[in-house]
């Protein structure tokens, strides 16, 4: 039995696999770069009549709390949240260097008022 000499490798299947992987990586990278999948959502006729609003609560590095860009104390925050619709969207922005204690206090106030529609954003 004679052994065949192995002179070359067939690289065509390897190239096919690499091209498929390249397409997958580039497609995924475009979604990551934009941060979301781009959608063109339909418009509704009655969306202006919705009573829901977006409320932002920010916590600075030093522990100052802001309610829609106005500095407030924890007691004043409790008062302001009394008037909030429980279905309103609450966005909490917290500085990465702020103490976790302030964040817990704000979330505790929100949960005490029965507000569950909370989004948390960690700011650099």
PDB file of N, CA and C in Angstrom:
ATOM      1  N   UNK A   1       0.832  -1.164   0.000  1.00  0.00           N
ATOM      2  CA  UNK A   1       0.000   0.000   0.000  1.00  0.00           C
ATOM      3  C   UNK A   1       0.885   1.237   0.000  1.00  0.00           C
ATOM      4  N   UNK A   2       0.590   2.086  -0.953  1.00  0.00           N
ATOM      5  CA  UNK A   2       1.381   3.286  -1.123  1.00  0.00           C
ATOM      6  C   UNK A   2       0.679   4.462  -0.452  1.00  0.00           C
ATOM      7  N   UNK A   3       1.425   5.268   0.306  1.00  0.00           N
ATOM      8  CA  UNK A   3       0.882   6.429   0.995  1.00  0.00           C
ATOM      9  C   UNK A   3       0.945   7.624   0.051  1.00  0.00           C
ATOM     10  N   UNK A   4      -0.202   8.333  -0.048  1.00  0.00           N
ATOM     11  CA  UNK A   4      -0.245   9.518  -0.906  1.00  0.00           C
ATOM     12  C   UNK A   4       0.447  10.675  -0.217  1.00  0.00           C
ATOM     13  N   UNK A   5       1.110  11.460  -1.043  1.00  0.00           N
ATOM     14  CA  UNK A   5       1.785  12.638  -0.530  1.00  0.00           C
ATOM     15  C   UNK A   5       0.756  13.765  -0.354  1.00  0.00           C
ATOM     16  N   UNK A   6       0.824  14.413   0.773  1.00  0.00           N
ATOM     17  CA  UNK A   6      -0.115  15.473   1.125  1.00  0.00           C
ATOM     18  C   UNK A   6       0.523  16.815   0.790  1.00  0.00           C
ATOM     19  N   UNK A   7       0.179  17.369  -0.392  1.00  0.00           N
ATOM     20  CA  UNK A   7       0.806  18.596  -0.875  1.00  0.00           C
ATOM     21  C   UNK A   7       0.038  19.869  -0.525  1.00  0.00           C
ATOM     22  N   UNK A   8      -1.282  19.791  -0.429  1.00  0.00           N
ATOM     23  CA  UNK A   8      -2.063  21.016  -0.212  1.00  0.00           C
ATOM     24  C   UNK A   8      -3.308  20.728   0.626  1.00  0.00           C
ATOM     25  N   UNK A   9      -3.859  21.814   1.149  1.00  0.00           N
ATOM     26  CA  UNK A   9      -5.086  21.733   1.943  1.00  0.00           C
ATOM     27  C   UNK A   9      -6.172  22.464   1.164  1.00  0.00           C
ATOM     28  N   UNK A  10      -7.339  21.891   1.135  1.00  0.00           N
ATOM     29  CA  UNK A  10      -8.474  22.542   0.496  1.00  0.00           C
ATOM     30  C   UNK A  10      -9.035  23.580   1.467  1.00  0.00           C
ATOM     31  N   UNK A  11      -8.852  24.866   1.160  1.00  0.00           N
ATOM     32  CA  UNK A  11      -9.249  25.947   2.056  1.00  0.00           C
ATOM     33  C   UNK A  11     -10.617  26.544   1.723  1.00  0.00           C
ATOM     34  N   UNK A  12     -11.260  26.070   0.691  1.00  0.00           N
ATOM     35  CA  UNK A  12     -12.566  26.609   0.285  1.00  0.00           C
ATOM     36  C   UNK A  12     -13.600  26.459   1.408  1.00  0.00           C
ATOM     37  N   UNK A  13     -13.759  25.316   2.051  1.00  0.00           N
ATOM     38  CA  UNK A  13     -14.730  25.218   3.154  1.00  0.00           C
ATOM     39  C   UNK A  13     -14.382  26.148   4.327  1.00  0.00           C
ATOM     40  N   UNK A  14     -13.110  26.317   4.589  1.00  0.00           N
ATOM     41  CA  UNK A  14     -12.673  27.219   5.653  1.00  0.00           C
ATOM     42  C   UNK A  14     -13.064  28.663   5.330  1.00  0.00           C
ATOM     43  N   UNK A  15     -12.890  29.090   4.107  1.00  0.00           N
ATOM     44  CA  UNK A  15     -13.256  30.442   3.680  1.00  0.00           C
ATOM     45  C   UNK A  15     -14.762  30.637   3.791  1.00  0.00           C
ATOM     46  N   UNK A  16     -15.545  29.641   3.418  1.00  0.00           N
ATOM     47  CA  UNK A  16     -17.010  29.730   3.525  1.00  0.00           C
ATOM     48  C   UNK A  16     -17.449  29.938   4.972  1.00  0.00           C
ATOM     49  N   UNK A  17     -16.860  29.179   5.855  1.00  0.00           N
ATOM     50  CA  UNK A  17     -17.206  29.301   7.274  1.00  0.00           C
ATOM     51  C   UNK A  17     -16.807  30.667   7.802  1.00  0.00           C
ATOM     52  N   UNK A  18     -15.631  31.154   7.437  1.00  0.00           N
ATOM     53  CA  UNK A  18     -15.167  32.455   7.906  1.00  0.00           C
ATOM     54  C   UNK A  18     -16.044  33.593   7.388  1.00  0.00           C
ATOM     55  N   UNK A  19     -16.536  33.492   6.163  1.00  0.00           N
ATOM     56  CA  UNK A  19     -17.414  34.530   5.629  1.00  0.00           C
ATOM     57  C   UNK A  19     -18.746  34.559   6.368  1.00  0.00           C
ATOM     58  N   UNK A  20     -19.282  33.394   6.694  1.00  0.00           N
ATOM     59  CA  UNK A  20     -20.533  33.341   7.455  1.00  0.00           C
ATOM     60  C   UNK A  20     -20.319  33.953   8.838  1.00  0.00           C
ATOM     61  N   UNK A  21     -19.230  33.621   9.493  1.00  0.00           N
ATOM     62  CA  UNK A  21     -18.934  34.194  10.809  1.00  0.00           C
ATOM     63  C   UNK A  21     -18.739  35.708  10.724  1.00  0.00           C
ATOM     64  N   UNK A  22     -18.111  36.167   9.668  1.00  0.00           N
ATOM     65  CA  UNK A  22     -17.919  37.601   9.478  1.00  0.00           C
ATOM     66  C   UNK A  22     -19.257  38.326   9.355  1.00  0.00           C
ATOM     67  N   UNK A  23     -20.181  37.757   8.598  1.00  0.00           N
ATOM     68  CA  UNK A  23     -21.511  38.356   8.447  1.00  0.00           C
ATOM     69  C   UNK A  23     -22.217  38.413   9.803  1.00  0.00           C
ATOM     70  N   UNK A  24     -22.131  37.360  10.582  1.00  0.00           N
ATOM     71  CA  UNK A  24     -22.775  37.331  11.899  1.00  0.00           C
ATOM     72  C   UNK A  24     -22.168  38.388  12.817  1.00  0.00           C
ATOM     73  N   UNK A  25     -20.859  38.504  12.835  1.00  0.00           N
ATOM     74  CA  UNK A  25     -20.188  39.478  13.702  1.00  0.00           C
ATOM     75  C   UNK A  25     -20.542  40.900  13.285  1.00  0.00           C
ATOM     76  N   UNK A  26     -20.529  41.190  12.006  1.00  0.00           N
ATOM     77  CA  UNK A  26     -20.838  42.552  11.545  1.00  0.00           C
ATOM     78  C   UNK A  26     -22.289  42.921  11.817  1.00  0.00           C
ATOM     79  N   UNK A  27     -23.194  41.978  11.656  1.00  0.00           N
ATOM     80  CA  UNK A  27     -24.606  42.243  11.943  1.00  0.00           C
ATOM     81  C   UNK A  27     -24.805  42.518  13.423  1.00  0.00           C
ATOM     82  N   UNK A  28     -24.217  41.710  14.265  1.00  0.00           N
ATOM     83  CA  UNK A  28     -24.335  41.901  15.701  1.00  0.00           C
ATOM     84  C   UNK A  28     -23.674  43.195  16.135  1.00  0.00           C
ATOM     85  N   UNK A  29     -22.531  43.519  15.585  1.00  0.00           N
ATOM     86  CA  UNK A  29     -21.817  44.735  15.951  1.00  0.00           C
ATOM     87  C   UNK A  29     -22.620  45.982  15.609  1.00  0.00           C
ATOM     88  N   UNK A  30     -23.383  45.961  14.541  1.00  0.00           N
ATOM     89  CA  UNK A  30     -24.176  47.137  14.182  1.00  0.00           C
ATOM     90  C   UNK A  30     -25.283  47.369  15.196  1.00  0.00           C
ATOM     91  N   UNK A  31     -25.863  46.299  15.762  1.00  0.00           N
ATOM     92  CA  UNK A  31     -26.875  46.465  16.798  1.00  0.00           C
ATOM     93  C   UNK A  31     -26.250  46.981  18.084  1.00  0.00           C
ATOM     94  N   UNK A  32     -25.071  46.505  18.408  1.00  0.00           N
ATOM     95  CA  UNK A  32     -24.405  46.930  19.633  1.00  0.00           C
ATOM     96  C   UNK A  32     -23.978  48.391  19.522  1.00  0.00           C
ATOM     97  N   UNK A  33     -23.489  48.812  18.373  1.00  0.00           N
ATOM     98  CA  UNK A  33     -23.033  50.191  18.194  1.00  0.00           C
ATOM     99  C   UNK A  33     -24.182  51.177  18.352  1.00  0.00           C
ATOM    100  N   UNK A  34     -25.358  50.838  17.876  1.00  0.00           N
ATOM    101  CA  UNK A  34     -26.507  51.729  17.986  1.00  0.00           C
ATOM    102  C   UNK A  34     -27.175  51.628  19.351  1.00  0.00           C
ATOM    103  N   UNK A  35     -26.950  50.557  20.070  1.00  0.00           N
ATOM    104  CA  UNK A  35     -27.543  50.386  21.380  1.00  0.00           C
ATOM    105  C   UNK A  35     -28.938  49.795  21.345  1.00  0.00           C
ATOM    106  N   UNK A  36     -29.525  49.699  20.179  1.00  0.00           N
ATOM    107  CA  UNK A  36     -30.870  49.141  20.064  1.00  0.00           C
ATOM    108  C   UNK A  36     -31.124  48.757  18.614  1.00  0.00           C
ATOM    109  N   UNK A  37     -32.112  47.956  18.450  1.00  0.00           N
ATOM    110  CA  UNK A  37     -32.515  47.583  17.091  1.00  0.00           C
ATOM    111  C   UNK A  37     -33.391  48.716  16.562  1.00  0.00           C
ATOM    112  N   UNK A  38     -33.043  49.286  15.406  1.00  0.00           N
ATOM    113  CA  UNK A  38     -33.834  50.405  14.889  1.00  0.00           C
ATOM    114  C   UNK A  38     -35.219  49.935  14.420  1.00  0.00           C
ATOM    115  N   UNK A  39     -36.239  50.609  14.913  1.00  0.00           N
ATOM    116  CA  UNK A  39     -37.615  50.292  14.536  1.00  0.00           C
ATOM    117  C   UNK A  39     -38.327  51.559  14.113  1.00  0.00           C
ATOM    118  N   UNK A  40     -39.181  51.441  13.132  1.00  0.00           N
ATOM    119  CA  UNK A  40     -40.038  52.540  12.712  1.00  0.00           C
ATOM    120  C   UNK A  40     -41.438  52.206  13.225  1.00  0.00           C
ATOM    121  N   UNK A  41     -41.776  52.770  14.385  1.00  0.00           N
ATOM    122  CA  UNK A  41     -43.030  52.429  15.036  1.00  0.00           C
ATOM    123  C   UNK A  41     -44.190  53.221  14.442  1.00  0.00           C
ATOM    124  N   UNK A  42     -45.351  52.611  14.374  1.00  0.00           N
ATOM    125  CA  UNK A  42     -46.519  53.336  13.854  1.00  0.00           C
ATOM    126  C   UNK A  42     -46.987  54.389  14.861  1.00  0.00           C
ATOM    127  N   UNK A  43     -47.623  55.428  14.347  1.00  0.00           N
ATOM    128  CA  UNK A  43     -48.132  56.511  15.191  1.00  0.00           C
ATOM    129  C   UNK A  43     -49.606  56.253  15.482  1.00  0.00           C
ATOM    130  N   UNK A  44     -50.010  56.581  16.704  1.00  0.00           N
ATOM    131  CA  UNK A  44     -51.410  56.459  17.083  1.00  0.00           C
ATOM    132  C   UNK A  44     -52.097  57.811  17.054  1.00  0.00           C
ATOM    133  N   UNK A  45     -53.398  57.815  16.859  1.00  0.00           N
ATOM    134  CA  UNK A  45     -54.144  59.066  16.793  1.00  0.00           C
ATOM    135  C   UNK A  45     -54.385  59.662  18.182  1.00  0.00           C
ATOM    136  N   UNK A  46     -54.504  58.836  19.201  1.00  0.00           N
ATOM    137  CA  UNK A  46     -54.886  59.311  20.528  1.00  0.00           C
ATOM    138  C   UNK A  46     -53.743  59.303  21.527  1.00  0.00           C
ATOM    139  N   UNK A  47     -52.523  59.289  21.080  1.00  0.00           N
ATOM    140  CA  UNK A  47     -51.399  59.205  22.013  1.00  0.00           C
ATOM    141  C   UNK A  47     -51.185  60.499  22.790  1.00  0.00           C
ATOM    142  N   UNK A  48     -51.654  61.625  22.292  1.00  0.00           N
ATOM    143  CA  UNK A  48     -51.476  62.889  22.996  1.00  0.00           C
ATOM    144  C   UNK A  48     -52.335  62.957  24.258  1.00  0.00           C
ATOM    145  N   UNK A  49     -53.360  62.149  24.334  1.00  0.00           N
ATOM    146  CA  UNK A  49     -54.280  62.186  25.461  1.00  0.00           C
ATOM    147  C   UNK A  49     -53.836  61.308  26.628  1.00  0.00           C
ATOM    148  N   UNK A  50     -52.700  60.638  26.509  1.00  0.00           N
ATOM    149  CA  UNK A  50     -52.248  59.771  27.583  1.00  0.00           C
ATOM    150  C   UNK A  50     -51.779  60.607  28.765  1.00  0.00           C
ATOM    151  N   UNK A  51     -52.244  60.282  29.980  1.00  0.00           N
ATOM    152  CA  UNK A  51     -51.844  61.067  31.147  1.00  0.00           C
ATOM    153  C   UNK A  51     -50.485  60.670  31.704  1.00  0.00           C
ATOM    154  N   UNK A  52     -49.892  59.634  31.183  1.00  0.00           N
ATOM    155  CA  UNK A  52     -48.623  59.160  31.723  1.00  0.00           C
ATOM    156  C   UNK A  52     -47.486  60.088  31.324  1.00  0.00           C
ATOM    157  N   UNK A  53     -46.521  60.225  32.225  1.00  0.00           N
ATOM    158  CA  UNK A  53     -45.368  61.064  31.943  1.00  0.00           C
ATOM    159  C   UNK A  53     -44.111  60.378  32.444  1.00  0.00           C
ATOM    160  N   UNK A  54     -42.983  60.916  32.044  1.00  0.00           N
ATOM    161  CA  UNK A  54     -41.691  60.362  32.434  1.00  0.00           C
ATOM    162  C   UNK A  54     -41.077  61.280  33.482  1.00  0.00           C
ATOM    163  N   UNK A  55     -40.720  60.696  34.605  1.00  0.00           N
ATOM    164  CA  UNK A  55     -40.136  61.459  35.703  1.00  0.00           C
ATOM    165  C   UNK A  55     -38.705  60.970  35.904  1.00  0.00           C
ATOM    166  N   UNK A  56     -37.767  61.904  36.010  1.00  0.00           N
ATOM    167  CA  UNK A  56     -36.364  61.543  36.224  1.00  0.00           C
ATOM    168  C   UNK A  56     -35.935  61.920  37.631  1.00  0.00           C
ATOM    169  N   UNK A  57     -35.341  60.950  38.303  1.00  0.00           N
ATOM    170  CA  UNK A  57     -34.750  61.180  39.614  1.00  0.00           C
ATOM    171  C   UNK A  57     -33.260  60.907  39.469  1.00  0.00           C
ATOM    172  N   UNK A  58     -32.439  61.912  39.777  1.00  0.00           N
ATOM    173  CA  UNK A  58     -30.989  61.777  39.616  1.00  0.00           C
ATOM    174  C   UNK A  58     -30.307  61.838  40.978  1.00  0.00           C
ATOM    175  N   UNK A  59     -29.263  61.024  41.127  1.00  0.00           N
ATOM    176  CA  UNK A  59     -28.475  61.013  42.355  1.00  0.00           C
ATOM    177  C   UNK A  59     -27.033  61.336  41.974  1.00  0.00           C
ATOM    178  N   UNK A  60     -26.489  62.411  42.551  1.00  0.00           N
ATOM    179  CA  UNK A  60     -25.125  62.828  42.219  1.00  0.00           C
ATOM    180  C   UNK A  60     -24.114  62.082  43.081  1.00  0.00           C
ATOM    181  N   UNK A  61     -22.867  62.297  42.764  1.00  0.00           N
ATOM    182  CA  UNK A  61     -21.767  61.664  43.490  1.00  0.00           C
ATOM    183  C   UNK A  61     -21.801  62.028  44.971  1.00  0.00           C
ATOM    184  N   UNK A  62     -22.167  63.269  45.264  1.00  0.00           N
ATOM    185  CA  UNK A  62     -22.190  63.736  46.651  1.00  0.00           C
ATOM    186  C   UNK A  62     -23.480  63.366  47.383  1.00  0.00           C
ATOM    187  N   UNK A  63     -24.425  62.737  46.699  1.00  0.00           N
ATOM    188  CA  UNK A  63     -25.658  62.302  47.338  1.00  0.00           C
ATOM    189  C   UNK A  63     -26.821  63.258  47.182  1.00  0.00           C
ATOM    190  N   UNK A  64     -26.659  64.298  46.376  1.00  0.00           N
ATOM    191  CA  UNK A  64     -27.766  65.222  46.126  1.00  0.00           C
ATOM    192  C   UNK A  64     -28.780  64.526  45.232  1.00  0.00           C
ATOM    193  N   UNK A  65     -30.051  64.777  45.509  1.00  0.00           N
ATOM    194  CA  UNK A  65     -31.130  64.134  44.751  1.00  0.00           C
ATOM    195  C   UNK A  65     -31.848  65.216  43.948  1.00  0.00           C
ATOM    196  N   UNK A  66     -32.074  64.922  42.667  1.00  0.00           N
ATOM    197  CA  UNK A  66     -32.760  65.841  41.771  1.00  0.00           C
ATOM    198  C   UNK A  66     -34.022  65.179  41.240  1.00  0.00           C
ATOM    199  N   UNK A  67     -35.114  65.929  41.259  1.00  0.00           N
ATOM    200  CA  UNK A  67     -36.401  65.487  40.724  1.00  0.00           C
ATOM    201  C   UNK A  67     -36.672  66.333  39.484  1.00  0.00           C
ATOM    202  N   UNK A  68     -36.591  65.733  38.311  1.00  0.00           N
ATOM    203  CA  UNK A  68     -36.736  66.465  37.044  1.00  0.00           C
ATOM    204  C   UNK A  68     -35.838  67.709  37.011  1.00  0.00           C
ATOM    205  N   UNK A  69     -34.565  67.518  37.293  1.00  0.00           N
ATOM    206  CA  UNK A  69     -33.511  68.547  37.236  1.00  0.00           C
ATOM    207  C   UNK A  69     -33.604  69.603  38.328  1.00  0.00           C
ATOM    208  N   UNK A  70     -34.450  69.414  39.342  1.00  0.00           N
ATOM    209  CA  UNK A  70     -34.530  70.351  40.463  1.00  0.00           C
ATOM    210  C   UNK A  70     -34.094  69.617  41.725  1.00  0.00           C
ATOM    211  N   UNK A  71     -33.144  70.214  42.446  1.00  0.00           N
ATOM    212  CA  UNK A  71     -32.643  69.572  43.659  1.00  0.00           C
ATOM    213  C   UNK A  71     -33.718  69.537  44.740  1.00  0.00           C
ATOM    214  N   UNK A  72     -33.877  68.362  45.352  1.00  0.00           N
ATOM    215  CA  UNK A  72     -34.877  68.180  46.403  1.00  0.00           C
ATOM    216  C   UNK A  72     -34.271  67.355  47.543  1.00  0.00           C
ATOM    217  N   UNK A  73     -34.894  67.459  48.715  1.00  0.00           N
ATOM    218  CA  UNK A  73     -34.494  66.613  49.842  1.00  0.00           C
ATOM    219  C   UNK A  73     -35.313  65.327  49.777  1.00  0.00           C
ATOM    220  N   UNK A  74     -34.967  64.368  50.621  1.00  0.00           N
ATOM    221  CA  UNK A  74     -35.722  63.104  50.642  1.00  0.00           C
ATOM    222  C   UNK A  74     -37.176  63.339  51.066  1.00  0.00           C
ATOM    223  N   UNK A  75     -37.395  64.243  52.023  1.00  0.00           N
ATOM    224  CA  UNK A  75     -38.764  64.536  52.460  1.00  0.00           C
ATOM    225  C   UNK A  75     -39.573  65.194  51.345  1.00  0.00           C
ATOM    226  N   UNK A  76     -38.941  66.118  50.621  1.00  0.00           N
ATOM    227  CA  UNK A  76     -39.625  66.781  49.503  1.00  0.00           C
ATOM    228  C   UNK A  76     -39.906  65.773  48.386  1.00  0.00           C
ATOM    229  N   UNK A  77     -38.982  64.825  48.173  1.00  0.00           N
ATOM    230  CA  UNK A  77     -39.191  63.779  47.168  1.00  0.00           C
ATOM    231  C   UNK A  77     -40.422  62.953  47.516  1.00  0.00           C
ATOM    232  N   UNK A  78     -40.590  62.631  48.793  1.00  0.00           N
ATOM    233  CA  UNK A  78     -41.776  61.880  49.234  1.00  0.00           C
ATOM    234  C   UNK A  78     -43.050  62.655  48.907  1.00  0.00           C
ATOM    235  N   UNK A  79     -43.029  63.969  49.169  1.00  0.00           N
ATOM    236  CA  UNK A  79     -44.196  64.808  48.893  1.00  0.00           C
ATOM    237  C   UNK A  79     -44.508  64.842  47.395  1.00  0.00           C
ATOM    238  N   UNK A  80     -43.472  65.001  46.585  1.00  0.00           N
ATOM    239  CA  UNK A  80     -43.678  65.072  45.130  1.00  0.00           C
ATOM    240  C   UNK A  80     -44.210  63.751  44.583  1.00  0.00           C
ATOM    241  N   UNK A  81     -43.757  62.646  45.138  1.00  0.00           N
ATOM    242  CA  UNK A  81     -44.195  61.338  44.648  1.00  0.00           C
ATOM    243  C   UNK A  81     -45.613  60.997  45.093  1.00  0.00           C
ATOM    244  N   UNK A  82     -46.170  61.744  46.046  1.00  0.00           N
ATOM    245  CA  UNK A  82     -47.565  61.544  46.443  1.00  0.00           C
ATOM    246  C   UNK A  82     -48.499  61.866  45.274  1.00  0.00           C
ATOM    247  N   UNK A  83     -48.105  62.841  44.451  1.00  0.00           N
ATOM    248  CA  UNK A  83     -48.943  63.310  43.344  1.00  0.00           C
ATOM    249  C   UNK A  83     -48.714  62.543  42.045  1.00  0.00           C
ATOM    250  N   UNK A  84     -47.795  61.578  42.049  1.00  0.00           N
ATOM    251  CA  UNK A  84     -47.426  60.866  40.832  1.00  0.00           C
ATOM    252  C   UNK A  84     -48.396  59.714  40.578  1.00  0.00           C
ATOM    253  N   UNK A  85     -48.782  59.568  39.325  1.00  0.00           N
ATOM    254  CA  UNK A  85     -49.586  58.410  38.915  1.00  0.00           C
ATOM    255  C   UNK A  85     -48.720  57.165  39.041  1.00  0.00           C
ATOM    256  N   UNK A  86     -49.239  56.122  39.629  1.00  0.00           N
ATOM    257  CA  UNK A  86     -48.448  54.901  39.851  1.00  0.00           C
ATOM    258  C   UNK A  86     -47.995  54.233  38.558  1.00  0.00           C
ATOM    259  N   UNK A  87     -48.615  54.588  37.437  1.00  0.00           N
ATOM    260  CA  UNK A  87     -48.230  54.008  36.146  1.00  0.00           C
ATOM    261  C   UNK A  87     -47.236  54.871  35.387  1.00  0.00           C
ATOM    262  N   UNK A  88     -46.895  56.037  35.932  1.00  0.00           N
ATOM    263  CA  UNK A  88     -45.904  56.895  35.279  1.00  0.00           C
ATOM    264  C   UNK A  88     -44.549  56.197  35.239  1.00  0.00           C
ATOM    265  N   UNK A  89     -43.750  56.545  34.257  1.00  0.00           N
ATOM    266  CA  UNK A  89     -42.415  55.968  34.108  1.00  0.00           C
ATOM    267  C   UNK A  89     -41.416  56.766  34.931  1.00  0.00           C
ATOM    268  N   UNK A  90     -40.744  56.086  35.855  1.00  0.00           N
ATOM    269  CA  UNK A  90     -39.744  56.721  36.705  1.00  0.00           C
ATOM    270  C   UNK A  90     -38.366  56.248  36.258  1.00  0.00           C
ATOM    271  N   UNK A  91     -37.478  57.196  35.960  1.00  0.00           N
ATOM    272  CA  UNK A  91     -36.105  56.876  35.567  1.00  0.00           C
ATOM    273  C   UNK A  91     -35.181  57.350  36.680  1.00  0.00           C
ATOM    274  N   UNK A  92     -34.396  56.423  37.228  1.00  0.00           N
ATOM    275  CA  UNK A  92     -33.430  56.773  38.267  1.00  0.00           C
ATOM    276  C   UNK A  92     -32.048  56.768  37.636  1.00  0.00           C
ATOM    277  N   UNK A  93     -31.381  57.920  37.693  1.00  0.00           N
ATOM    278  CA  UNK A  93     -30.005  58.037  37.197  1.00  0.00           C
ATOM    279  C   UNK A  93     -29.097  58.219  38.400  1.00  0.00           C
ATOM    280  N   UNK A  94     -28.119  57.337  38.500  1.00  0.00           N
ATOM    281  CA  UNK A  94     -27.224  57.368  39.655  1.00  0.00           C
ATOM    282  C   UNK A  94     -25.782  57.449  39.181  1.00  0.00           C
ATOM    283  N   UNK A  95     -25.033  58.384  39.756  1.00  0.00           N
ATOM    284  CA  UNK A  95     -23.604  58.492  39.450  1.00  0.00           C
ATOM    285  C   UNK A  95     -22.898  57.238  39.936  1.00  0.00           C
ATOM    286  N   UNK A  96     -21.919  56.772  39.182  1.00  0.00           N
ATOM    287  CA  UNK A  96     -21.239  55.526  39.543  1.00  0.00           C
ATOM    288  C   UNK A  96     -20.475  55.643  40.854  1.00  0.00           C
ATOM    289  N   UNK A  97     -20.143  56.856  41.258  1.00  0.00           N
ATOM    290  CA  UNK A  97     -19.391  57.054  42.493  1.00  0.00           C
ATOM    291  C   UNK A  97     -20.289  57.380  43.691  1.00  0.00           C
ATOM    292  N   UNK A  98     -21.597  57.454  43.471  1.00  0.00           N
ATOM    293  CA  UNK A  98     -22.486  57.777  44.585  1.00  0.00           C
ATOM    294  C   UNK A  98     -22.629  56.575  45.507  1.00  0.00           C
ATOM    295  N   UNK A  99     -22.946  56.863  46.759  1.00  0.00           N
ATOM    296  CA  UNK A  99     -23.129  55.790  47.719  1.00  0.00           C
ATOM    297  C   UNK A  99     -24.413  55.025  47.390  1.00  0.00           C
ATOM    298  N   UNK A 100     -24.349  53.737  47.554  1.00  0.00           N
ATOM    299  CA  UNK A 100     -25.497  52.875  47.278  1.00  0.00           C
ATOM    300  C   UNK A 100     -26.648  53.189  48.235  1.00  0.00           C
ATOM    301  N   UNK A 101     -26.320  53.743  49.368  1.00  0.00           N
ATOM    302  CA  UNK A 101     -27.304  54.085  50.395  1.00  0.00           C
ATOM    303  C   UNK A 101     -28.372  55.049  49.849  1.00  0.00           C
ATOM    304  N   UNK A 102     -27.941  56.051  49.073  1.00  0.00           N
ATOM    305  CA  UNK A 102     -28.884  57.024  48.519  1.00  0.00           C
ATOM    306  C   UNK A 102     -29.827  56.355  47.519  1.00  0.00           C
ATOM    307  N   UNK A 103     -29.279  55.484  46.715  1.00  0.00           N
ATOM    308  CA  UNK A 103     -30.088  54.762  45.738  1.00  0.00           C
ATOM    309  C   UNK A 103     -31.150  53.920  46.455  1.00  0.00           C
ATOM    310  N   UNK A 104     -30.748  53.217  47.501  1.00  0.00           N
ATOM    311  CA  UNK A 104     -31.677  52.363  48.247  1.00  0.00           C
ATOM    312  C   UNK A 104     -32.783  53.209  48.873  1.00  0.00           C
ATOM    313  N   UNK A 105     -32.436  54.387  49.401  1.00  0.00           N
ATOM    314  CA  UNK A 105     -33.444  55.265  49.997  1.00  0.00           C
ATOM    315  C   UNK A 105     -34.479  55.706  48.966  1.00  0.00           C
ATOM    316  N   UNK A 106     -34.018  56.069  47.768  1.00  0.00           N
ATOM    317  CA  UNK A 106     -34.937  56.510  46.713  1.00  0.00           C
ATOM    318  C   UNK A 106     -35.841  55.361  46.281  1.00  0.00           C
ATOM    319  N   UNK A 107     -35.268  54.185  46.064  1.00  0.00           N
ATOM    320  CA  UNK A 107     -36.081  53.035  45.653  1.00  0.00           C
ATOM    321  C   UNK A 107     -37.066  52.658  46.756  1.00  0.00           C
ATOM    322  N   UNK A 108     -36.660  52.773  48.010  1.00  0.00           N
ATOM    323  CA  UNK A 108     -37.544  52.475  49.136  1.00  0.00           C
ATOM    324  C   UNK A 108     -38.742  53.422  49.148  1.00  0.00           C
ATOM    325  N   UNK A 109     -38.492  54.694  48.873  1.00  0.00           N
ATOM    326  CA  UNK A 109     -39.586  55.675  48.808  1.00  0.00           C
ATOM    327  C   UNK A 109     -40.541  55.308  47.677  1.00  0.00           C
ATOM    328  N   UNK A 110     -39.981  54.971  46.509  1.00  0.00           N
ATOM    329  CA  UNK A 110     -40.819  54.615  45.361  1.00  0.00           C
ATOM    330  C   UNK A 110     -41.663  53.378  45.653  1.00  0.00           C
ATOM    331  N   UNK A 111     -41.061  52.360  46.208  1.00  0.00           N
ATOM    332  CA  UNK A 111     -41.793  51.132  46.517  1.00  0.00           C
ATOM    333  C   UNK A 111     -42.838  51.380  47.599  1.00  0.00           C
ATOM    334  N   UNK A 112     -42.527  52.268  48.551  1.00  0.00           N
ATOM    335  CA  UNK A 112     -43.488  52.613  49.593  1.00  0.00           C
ATOM    336  C   UNK A 112     -44.722  53.302  49.040  1.00  0.00           C
ATOM    337  N   UNK A 113     -44.555  54.020  47.932  1.00  0.00           N
ATOM    338  CA  UNK A 113     -45.681  54.700  47.278  1.00  0.00           C
ATOM    339  C   UNK A 113     -46.408  53.778  46.287  1.00  0.00           C
ATOM    340  N   UNK A 114     -45.897  52.550  46.124  1.00  0.00           N
ATOM    341  CA  UNK A 114     -46.535  51.596  45.203  1.00  0.00           C
ATOM    342  C   UNK A 114     -46.158  51.807  43.750  1.00  0.00           C
ATOM    343  N   UNK A 115     -45.062  52.496  43.498  1.00  0.00           N
ATOM    344  CA  UNK A 115     -44.616  52.773  42.129  1.00  0.00           C
ATOM    345  C   UNK A 115     -43.688  51.645  41.694  1.00  0.00           C
ATOM    346  N   UNK A 116     -44.065  50.949  40.618  1.00  0.00           N
ATOM    347  CA  UNK A 116     -43.291  49.798  40.152  1.00  0.00           C
ATOM    348  C   UNK A 116     -42.652  49.994  38.783  1.00  0.00           C
ATOM    349  N   UNK A 117     -43.066  51.013  38.044  1.00  0.00           N
ATOM    350  CA  UNK A 117     -42.547  51.237  36.693  1.00  0.00           C
ATOM    351  C   UNK A 117     -41.257  52.056  36.791  1.00  0.00           C
ATOM    352  N   UNK A 118     -40.162  51.366  37.172  1.00  0.00           N
ATOM    353  CA  UNK A 118     -38.896  52.043  37.455  1.00  0.00           C
ATOM    354  C   UNK A 118     -37.823  51.566  36.469  1.00  0.00           C
ATOM    355  N   UNK A 119     -37.083  52.523  35.907  1.00  0.00           N
ATOM    356  CA  UNK A 119     -35.937  52.217  35.055  1.00  0.00           C
ATOM    357  C   UNK A 119     -34.699  52.770  35.746  1.00  0.00           C
ATOM    358  N   UNK A 120     -33.633  51.958  35.780  1.00  0.00           N
ATOM    359  CA  UNK A 120     -32.404  52.369  36.448  1.00  0.00           C
ATOM    360  C   UNK A 120     -31.315  52.592  35.411  1.00  0.00           C
ATOM    361  N   UNK A 121     -30.682  53.774  35.457  1.00  0.00           N
ATOM    362  CA  UNK A 121     -29.604  54.106  34.531  1.00  0.00           C
ATOM    363  C   UNK A 121     -28.392  54.473  35.368  1.00  0.00           C
ATOM    364  N   UNK A 122     -27.291  53.789  35.147  1.00  0.00           N
ATOM    365  CA  UNK A 122     -26.039  54.080  35.854  1.00  0.00           C
ATOM    366  C   UNK A 122     -25.243  55.056  35.004  1.00  0.00           C
ATOM    367  N   UNK A 123     -24.941  56.231  35.512  1.00  0.00           N
ATOM    368  CA  UNK A 123     -24.239  57.277  34.780  1.00  0.00           C
ATOM    369  C   UNK A 123     -22.750  57.170  35.078  1.00  0.00           C
ATOM    370  N   UNK A 124     -21.933  57.391  34.037  1.00  0.00           N
ATOM    371  CA  UNK A 124     -20.467  57.323  34.197  1.00  0.00           C
ATOM    372  C   UNK A 124     -19.954  58.413  35.080  1.00  0.00           C
TER     373      UNK A 124
END
